[in-house]
Amino acid sequence: MNEIYTEFENWLDNLLENNDMPDETLAFCFNLYEESSEDSVYSVQLVACDKFDKNDSDWACEEVWSSEEDIFCIELSDEQDRDWKSAQALIKSWVQEYMKICDTLSAKPVAIGFIDGELEYIKYEDRYLN
C-alpha cells in the first residue's frame, strides 16, 4: 500500500481507538464530500448509525456518532482519474483493505457515498435489515 493509504489507516485507527462507539451502533457509513472539483479535493467523514435498511438510504442520516470535523482529505489532482467516481472507488478500496484488520468495522454493515448521493455497500448482510 502507498503512503496516502497509510495516512488513511492512521486516521481510522485514531478514530476507532480513541472513541467509544455507542452500543446501539448497527452500521457505519463513510460520507464523502467534494471540497473542490477544480482541484480534485475530496474529504471523508465516518459516522456510526443506529438504524440500517438496505432499501432506504436514509438510515445513514441516523447518526449516533460522527467524526464531525475530524475528516480525512485527499487531493487527486495528480491522478489521471480525478472525478468523484474515481475518488469513491479509491476510498472504497481503502476501506475494504482496512476492514481486513479491523473488527469494529468488519462486524457491521458498511456503506460509502457522497452526501445526497447513492450509497454503495461495502459490507451488507440480511440479518442487519430492520
C-alpha atoms as a PDB file:
ATOM      1  CA  MET A   1       0.000   0.000   0.000  1.00  0.00           C
ATOM      2  CA  ASN A   2       1.092   3.546  -0.581  1.00  0.00           C
ATOM      3  CA  GLU A   3       1.771   6.415   1.784  1.00  0.00           C
ATOM      4  CA  ILE A   4      -1.664   8.017   1.423  1.00  0.00           C
ATOM      5  CA  TYR A   5      -3.353   4.730   2.385  1.00  0.00           C
ATOM      6  CA  THR A   6      -1.131   4.579   5.487  1.00  0.00           C
ATOM      7  CA  GLU A   7      -2.319   8.086   6.418  1.00  0.00           C
ATOM      8  CA  PHE A   8      -5.942   6.960   5.903  1.00  0.00           C
ATOM      9  CA  GLU A   9      -5.329   3.871   8.051  1.00  0.00           C
ATOM     10  CA  ASN A  10      -3.781   6.003  10.800  1.00  0.00           C
ATOM     11  CA  TRP A  11      -6.767   8.369  10.671  1.00  0.00           C
ATOM     12  CA  LEU A  12      -9.207   5.475  11.080  1.00  0.00           C
ATOM     13  CA  ASP A  13      -7.092   3.852  13.792  1.00  0.00           C
ATOM     14  CA  ASN A  14      -7.143   7.100  15.728  1.00  0.00           C
ATOM     15  CA  LEU A  15     -10.916   7.474  15.389  1.00  0.00           C
ATOM     16  CA  LEU A  16     -11.757   3.904  16.346  1.00  0.00           C
ATOM     17  CA  GLU A  17      -9.205   3.528  19.141  1.00  0.00           C
ATOM     18  CA  ASN A  18      -9.903   6.878  20.815  1.00  0.00           C
ATOM     19  CA  ASN A  19     -13.693   6.949  20.622  1.00  0.00           C
ATOM     20  CA  ASP A  20     -16.178   4.522  22.104  1.00  0.00           C
ATOM     21  CA  MET A  21     -18.774   3.559  19.547  1.00  0.00           C
ATOM     22  CA  PRO A  22     -22.283   3.639  21.047  1.00  0.00           C
ATOM     23  CA  ASP A  23     -23.766   0.237  21.876  1.00  0.00           C
ATOM     24  CA  GLU A  24     -26.712   0.960  19.584  1.00  0.00           C
ATOM     25  CA  THR A  25     -24.456   1.210  16.518  1.00  0.00           C
ATOM     26  CA  LEU A  26     -25.894  -1.005  13.767  1.00  0.00           C
ATOM     27  CA  ALA A  27     -23.931   0.276  10.762  1.00  0.00           C
ATOM     28  CA  PHE A  28     -21.183   2.600   9.590  1.00  0.00           C
ATOM     29  CA  CYS A  29     -21.130   4.999   6.677  1.00  0.00           C
ATOM     30  CA  PHE A  30     -18.233   6.826   5.077  1.00  0.00           C
ATOM     31  CA  ASN A  31     -19.636  10.188   3.988  1.00  0.00           C
ATOM     32  CA  LEU A  32     -17.760  11.697   1.068  1.00  0.00           C
ATOM     33  CA  TYR A  33     -17.608  15.375   0.182  1.00  0.00           C
ATOM     34  CA  GLU A  34     -16.251  17.143  -2.861  1.00  0.00           C
ATOM     35  CA  GLU A  35     -14.285  20.020  -1.395  1.00  0.00           C
ATOM     36  CA  SER A  36     -13.044  21.373  -4.740  1.00  0.00           C
ATOM     37  CA  SER A  37     -13.962  19.917  -8.122  1.00  0.00           C
ATOM     38  CA  GLU A  38     -11.413  22.190  -9.795  1.00  0.00           C
ATOM     39  CA  ASP A  39      -8.554  20.902  -7.623  1.00  0.00           C
ATOM     40  CA  SER A  40      -9.992  17.364  -7.220  1.00  0.00           C
ATOM     41  CA  VAL A  41     -10.044  17.544  -3.417  1.00  0.00           C
ATOM     42  CA  TYR A  42     -12.324  15.167  -1.530  1.00  0.00           C
ATOM     43  CA  SER A  43     -12.929  14.557   2.155  1.00  0.00           C
ATOM     44  CA  VAL A  44     -14.134  11.581   4.174  1.00  0.00           C
ATOM     45  CA  GLN A  45     -16.141  11.531   7.381  1.00  0.00           C
ATOM     46  CA  LEU A  46     -17.046   8.403   9.364  1.00  0.00           C
ATOM     47  CA  VAL A  47     -20.441   8.061  11.053  1.00  0.00           C
ATOM     48  CA  ALA A  48     -21.998   5.324  13.164  1.00  0.00           C
ATOM     49  CA  CYS A  49     -25.747   4.840  12.813  1.00  0.00           C
ATOM     50  CA  ASP A  50     -28.399   3.215  14.985  1.00  0.00           C
ATOM     51  CA  LYS A  51     -30.593   2.303  12.002  1.00  0.00           C
ATOM     52  CA  PHE A  52     -29.923   0.188   8.925  1.00  0.00           C
ATOM     53  CA  ASP A  53     -32.146  -0.577   5.959  1.00  0.00           C
ATOM     54  CA  LYS A  54     -30.500  -1.522   2.682  1.00  0.00           C
ATOM     55  CA  ASN A  55     -33.641  -0.451   0.802  1.00  0.00           C
ATOM     56  CA  ASP A  56     -33.788   3.023   2.356  1.00  0.00           C
ATOM     57  CA  SER A  57     -30.552   5.007   2.417  1.00  0.00           C
ATOM     58  CA  ASP A  58     -31.985   7.465   4.964  1.00  0.00           C
ATOM     59  CA  TRP A  59     -30.580   5.149   7.644  1.00  0.00           C
ATOM     60  CA  ALA A  60     -27.231   6.845   7.096  1.00  0.00           C
ATOM     61  CA  CYS A  61     -28.743  10.076   8.481  1.00  0.00           C
ATOM     62  CA  GLU A  62     -29.490   8.431  11.834  1.00  0.00           C
ATOM     63  CA  GLU A  63     -26.118   9.162  13.388  1.00  0.00           C
ATOM     64  CA  VAL A  64     -25.272   8.173  16.940  1.00  0.00           C
ATOM     65  CA  TRP A  65     -21.615   9.117  16.491  1.00  0.00           C
ATOM     66  CA  SER A  66     -19.666  11.142  13.950  1.00  0.00           C
ATOM     67  CA  SER A  67     -16.059  12.047  13.342  1.00  0.00           C
ATOM     68  CA  GLU A  68     -17.516  15.535  12.781  1.00  0.00           C
ATOM     69  CA  GLU A  69     -14.740  17.912  11.736  1.00  0.00           C
ATOM     70  CA  ASP A  70     -12.082  15.215  12.081  1.00  0.00           C
ATOM     71  CA  ILE A  71     -12.092  14.393   8.392  1.00  0.00           C
ATOM     72  CA  PHE A  72      -9.604  12.835   6.030  1.00  0.00           C
ATOM     73  CA  CYS A  73      -8.791  14.863   2.916  1.00  0.00           C
ATOM     74  CA  ILE A  74      -7.349  13.613  -0.316  1.00  0.00           C
ATOM     75  CA  GLU A  75      -6.240  15.509  -3.396  1.00  0.00           C
ATOM     76  CA  LEU A  76      -6.334  13.680  -6.720  1.00  0.00           C
ATOM     77  CA  SER A  77      -5.106  16.495  -8.959  1.00  0.00           C
ATOM     78  CA  ASP A  78      -2.014  14.479  -9.932  1.00  0.00           C
ATOM     79  CA  GLU A  79      -4.061  11.406 -10.839  1.00  0.00           C
ATOM     80  CA  GLN A  80      -5.323  10.568 -14.318  1.00  0.00           C
ATOM     81  CA  ASP A  81      -8.785   9.726 -12.955  1.00  0.00           C
ATOM     82  CA  ARG A  82      -9.800  12.672 -10.800  1.00  0.00           C
ATOM     83  CA  ASP A  83     -13.607  12.687 -10.847  1.00  0.00           C
ATOM     84  CA  TRP A  84     -15.896  11.861  -7.912  1.00  0.00           C
ATOM     85  CA  LYS A  85     -16.452   8.286  -9.131  1.00  0.00           C
ATOM     86  CA  SER A  86     -12.711   7.638  -9.094  1.00  0.00           C
ATOM     87  CA  ALA A  87     -12.419   9.192  -5.630  1.00  0.00           C
ATOM     88  CA  GLN A  88     -15.221   6.988  -4.307  1.00  0.00           C
ATOM     89  CA  ALA A  89     -13.710   3.852  -5.864  1.00  0.00           C
ATOM     90  CA  LEU A  90     -10.292   4.637  -4.386  1.00  0.00           C
ATOM     91  CA  ILE A  91     -11.603   5.322  -0.901  1.00  0.00           C
ATOM     92  CA  LYS A  92     -13.836   2.232  -1.080  1.00  0.00           C
ATOM     93  CA  SER A  93     -10.774   0.104  -1.854  1.00  0.00           C
ATOM     94  CA  TRP A  94      -9.012   1.595   1.186  1.00  0.00           C
ATOM     95  CA  VAL A  95     -11.991   0.826   3.430  1.00  0.00           C
ATOM     96  CA  GLN A  96     -12.093  -2.747   2.130  1.00  0.00           C
ATOM     97  CA  GLU A  97      -8.394  -3.141   2.885  1.00  0.00           C
ATOM     98  CA  TYR A  98      -8.799  -1.627   6.338  1.00  0.00           C
ATOM     99  CA  MET A  99     -11.733  -3.908   7.161  1.00  0.00           C
ATOM    100  CA  LYS A 100      -9.401  -6.900   6.844  1.00  0.00           C
ATOM    101  CA  ILE A 101      -7.661  -5.768  10.039  1.00  0.00           C
ATOM    102  CA  CYS A 102     -10.479  -4.017  11.927  1.00  0.00           C
ATOM    103  CA  ASP A 103     -13.108  -5.968  13.827  1.00  0.00           C
ATOM    104  CA  THR A 104     -15.073  -2.825  14.709  1.00  0.00           C
ATOM    105  CA  LEU A 105     -15.910  -2.112  11.060  1.00  0.00           C
ATOM    106  CA  SER A 106     -15.995  -5.653   9.743  1.00  0.00           C
ATOM    107  CA  ALA A 107     -18.650  -6.682  12.297  1.00  0.00           C
ATOM    108  CA  LYS A 108     -21.303  -4.285  10.924  1.00  0.00           C
ATOM    109  CA  PRO A 109     -22.759  -3.226   7.583  1.00  0.00           C
ATOM    110  CA  VAL A 110     -20.616  -0.542   5.953  1.00  0.00           C
ATOM    111  CA  ALA A 111     -21.534   1.857   3.158  1.00  0.00           C
ATOM    112  CA  ILE A 112     -19.838   4.707   1.345  1.00  0.00           C
ATOM    113  CA  GLY A 113     -21.241   7.576  -0.649  1.00  0.00           C
ATOM    114  CA  PHE A 114     -21.316  11.257  -1.356  1.00  0.00           C
ATOM    115  CA  ILE A 115     -23.735  13.291   0.706  1.00  0.00           C
ATOM    116  CA  ASP A 116     -27.087  13.433  -1.117  1.00  0.00           C
ATOM    117  CA  GLY A 117     -25.894  10.651  -3.432  1.00  0.00           C
ATOM    118  CA  GLU A 118     -26.441   6.934  -3.693  1.00  0.00           C
ATOM    119  CA  LEU A 119     -24.870   4.686  -1.098  1.00  0.00           C
ATOM    120  CA  GLU A 120     -22.616   1.863  -2.201  1.00  0.00           C
ATOM    121  CA  TYR A 121     -22.473  -1.072   0.170  1.00  0.00           C
ATOM    122  CA  ILE A 122     -19.054  -2.382   1.100  1.00  0.00           C
ATOM    123  CA  LYS A 123     -20.437  -4.935   3.531  1.00  0.00           C
ATOM    124  CA  TYR A 124     -24.048  -5.959   3.933  1.00  0.00           C
ATOM    125  CA  GLU A 125     -25.865  -8.889   5.460  1.00  0.00           C
ATOM    126  CA  ASP A 126     -29.604  -9.572   5.530  1.00  0.00           C
ATOM    127  CA  ARG A 127     -29.573 -10.066   9.270  1.00  0.00           C
ATOM    128  CA  TYR A 128     -28.933  -6.352   9.736  1.00  0.00           C
ATOM    129  CA  LEU A 129     -32.115  -5.244   7.983  1.00  0.00           C
ATOM    130  CA  ASN A 130     -34.688  -3.513  10.207  1.00  0.00           C
END
